[in-house]
Amino acid sequence: MQITRYEPGPRMSRIVEHNGTVYFCHVADDPSRDLQDQVRQVLRRIEASLAMVGSDKSRILTAQIFLSDIRDFAAMSEVRDAWVDTANPPVRATFEARLGRPELKVEIFVTAAK
């Protein structure tokens, strides 16, 4: 079984593909923005990663969403729910977590079919 690593670096790969399934995680490019803008940034990055491997948001299997403050759940859901493919909604779990940098408000880990 082949494993393909896209843009591997010393700490992590941008995307890992195994048996037609892709795995990746994103945070906002500009974490100085408010939560909803950070969510929009992450969703744009997710779409770009999916396009890089020849997939799209209709093929997302699971999304694990990490919020620095669970009280932001409704605001995050408002943006995410407007973006998700309602004909093909993935499994979703949302957690409160300390993220890698204090200014980050959201991080999303995606598993998708290629």
Protein backbone atom coordinates (compact mmCIF):
# COMPACT_ATOMS: atom_id res chain seq x y z
CA MET A 1 0.00 0.00 0.00
CA GLN A 2 1.41 3.31 -1.08
CA ILE A 3 1.46 6.40 1.11
CA THR A 4 1.81 9.76 -0.65
CA ARG A 5 2.91 12.82 1.32
CA TYR A 6 2.19 16.23 -0.20
CA GLU A 7 4.58 19.05 0.70
CA PRO A 8 6.39 17.13 3.47
CA GLY A 9 8.38 19.23 5.88
CA PRO A 10 10.47 18.57 8.96
CA ARG A 11 7.44 18.71 11.25
CA MET A 12 4.55 17.48 9.08
CA SER A 13 3.17 16.99 5.59
CA ARG A 14 0.47 19.27 4.19
CA ILE A 15 -1.62 16.23 3.15
CA VAL A 16 -1.16 12.50 3.51
CA GLU A 17 -2.91 10.08 1.13
CA HIS A 18 -3.35 6.35 1.72
CA ASN A 19 -5.59 3.97 -0.22
CA GLY A 20 -7.60 6.81 -1.81
CA THR A 21 -8.21 8.58 1.49
CA VAL A 22 -6.62 11.94 2.31
CA TYR A 23 -5.88 13.43 5.71
CA PHE A 24 -4.99 17.02 6.55
CA CYS A 25 -5.46 19.76 9.09
CA HIS A 26 -5.65 23.55 8.72
CA VAL A 27 -5.64 26.72 10.77
CA ALA A 28 -6.21 30.29 9.60
CA ASP A 29 -3.55 32.05 7.54
CA ASP A 30 -4.30 35.32 9.38
CA PRO A 31 -5.09 34.51 13.01
CA SER A 32 -5.47 38.20 13.88
CA ARG A 33 -9.02 38.02 12.48
CA ASP A 34 -12.18 37.16 14.42
CA LEU A 35 -13.45 33.60 14.79
CA GLN A 36 -15.85 33.63 11.83
CA ASP A 37 -13.20 35.00 9.49
CA GLN A 38 -10.72 32.39 10.75
CA VAL A 39 -13.32 29.69 9.99
CA ARG A 40 -13.77 31.08 6.45
CA GLN A 41 -9.99 31.07 5.95
CA VAL A 42 -9.74 27.46 7.10
CA LEU A 43 -12.61 26.38 4.84
CA ARG A 44 -10.89 28.03 1.84
CA ARG A 45 -7.69 26.17 2.70
CA ILE A 46 -9.65 22.91 2.95
CA GLU A 47 -11.10 23.45 -0.52
CA ALA A 48 -7.63 24.19 -1.91
CA SER A 49 -6.18 21.03 -0.33
CA LEU A 50 -9.02 18.93 -1.70
CA ALA A 51 -8.52 20.41 -5.17
CA MET A 52 -4.78 19.67 -4.95
CA VAL A 53 -5.52 15.93 -4.67
CA GLY A 54 -8.43 15.89 -7.13
CA SER A 55 -11.25 15.85 -4.59
CA ASP A 56 -13.86 18.31 -3.31
CA LYS A 57 -15.97 19.05 -0.23
CA SER A 58 -18.68 16.57 -1.28
CA ARG A 59 -16.15 13.81 -0.56
CA ILE A 60 -15.29 14.84 3.01
CA LEU A 61 -15.88 11.87 5.32
CA THR A 62 -15.16 13.44 8.71
CA ALA A 63 -14.32 16.86 10.11
CA GLN A 64 -12.88 17.26 13.59
CA ILE A 65 -13.19 20.87 14.67
CA PHE A 66 -11.10 22.25 17.51
CA LEU A 67 -12.17 25.56 19.05
CA SER A 68 -10.10 27.52 21.54
CA ASP A 69 -13.39 28.48 23.22
CA ILE A 70 -16.42 26.17 22.97
CA ARG A 71 -18.67 29.21 23.50
CA ASP A 72 -17.83 30.00 19.84
CA PHE A 73 -19.65 26.83 18.71
CA ALA A 74 -22.74 28.65 17.34
CA ALA A 75 -20.68 31.29 15.50
CA MET A 76 -18.43 28.61 13.97
CA SER A 77 -21.44 26.48 13.00
CA GLU A 78 -23.11 29.41 11.26
CA VAL A 79 -20.17 29.77 8.85
CA ARG A 80 -19.45 26.06 8.49
CA ASP A 81 -23.11 25.11 7.92
CA ALA A 82 -23.40 27.65 5.09
CA TRP A 83 -20.32 26.09 3.45
CA VAL A 84 -20.91 22.35 3.87
CA ASP A 85 -22.31 20.29 0.99
CA THR A 86 -25.78 19.59 2.43
CA ALA A 87 -26.32 16.70 -0.01
CA ASN A 88 -23.16 15.01 1.35
CA PRO A 89 -22.62 16.13 4.94
CA PRO A 90 -19.65 14.54 6.69
CA VAL A 91 -19.48 13.24 10.23
CA ARG A 92 -18.47 16.10 12.50
CA ALA A 93 -17.13 16.37 16.02
CA THR A 94 -16.28 19.62 17.79
CA PHE A 95 -13.93 19.96 20.75
CA GLU A 96 -12.60 22.72 22.94
CA ALA A 97 -8.80 22.65 22.94
CA ARG A 98 -5.75 24.77 23.51
CA LEU A 99 -4.38 25.35 20.04
CA GLY A 100 -0.76 25.73 18.98
CA ARG A 101 -0.75 29.54 19.26
CA PRO A 102 -2.95 31.69 21.51
CA GLU A 103 -4.30 33.79 18.61
CA LEU A 104 -5.70 30.73 16.82
CA LYS A 105 -9.41 30.24 17.39
CA VAL A 106 -10.12 27.21 15.19
CA GLU A 107 -8.35 24.22 13.66
CA ILE A 108 -10.06 21.63 11.45
CA PHE A 109 -8.81 18.11 10.75
CA VAL A 110 -10.33 16.54 7.63
CA THR A 111 -10.52 12.98 6.33
CA ALA A 112 -11.77 12.78 2.74
CA ALA A 113 -12.11 10.31 -0.10
CA LYS A 114 -10.08 11.13 -3.16
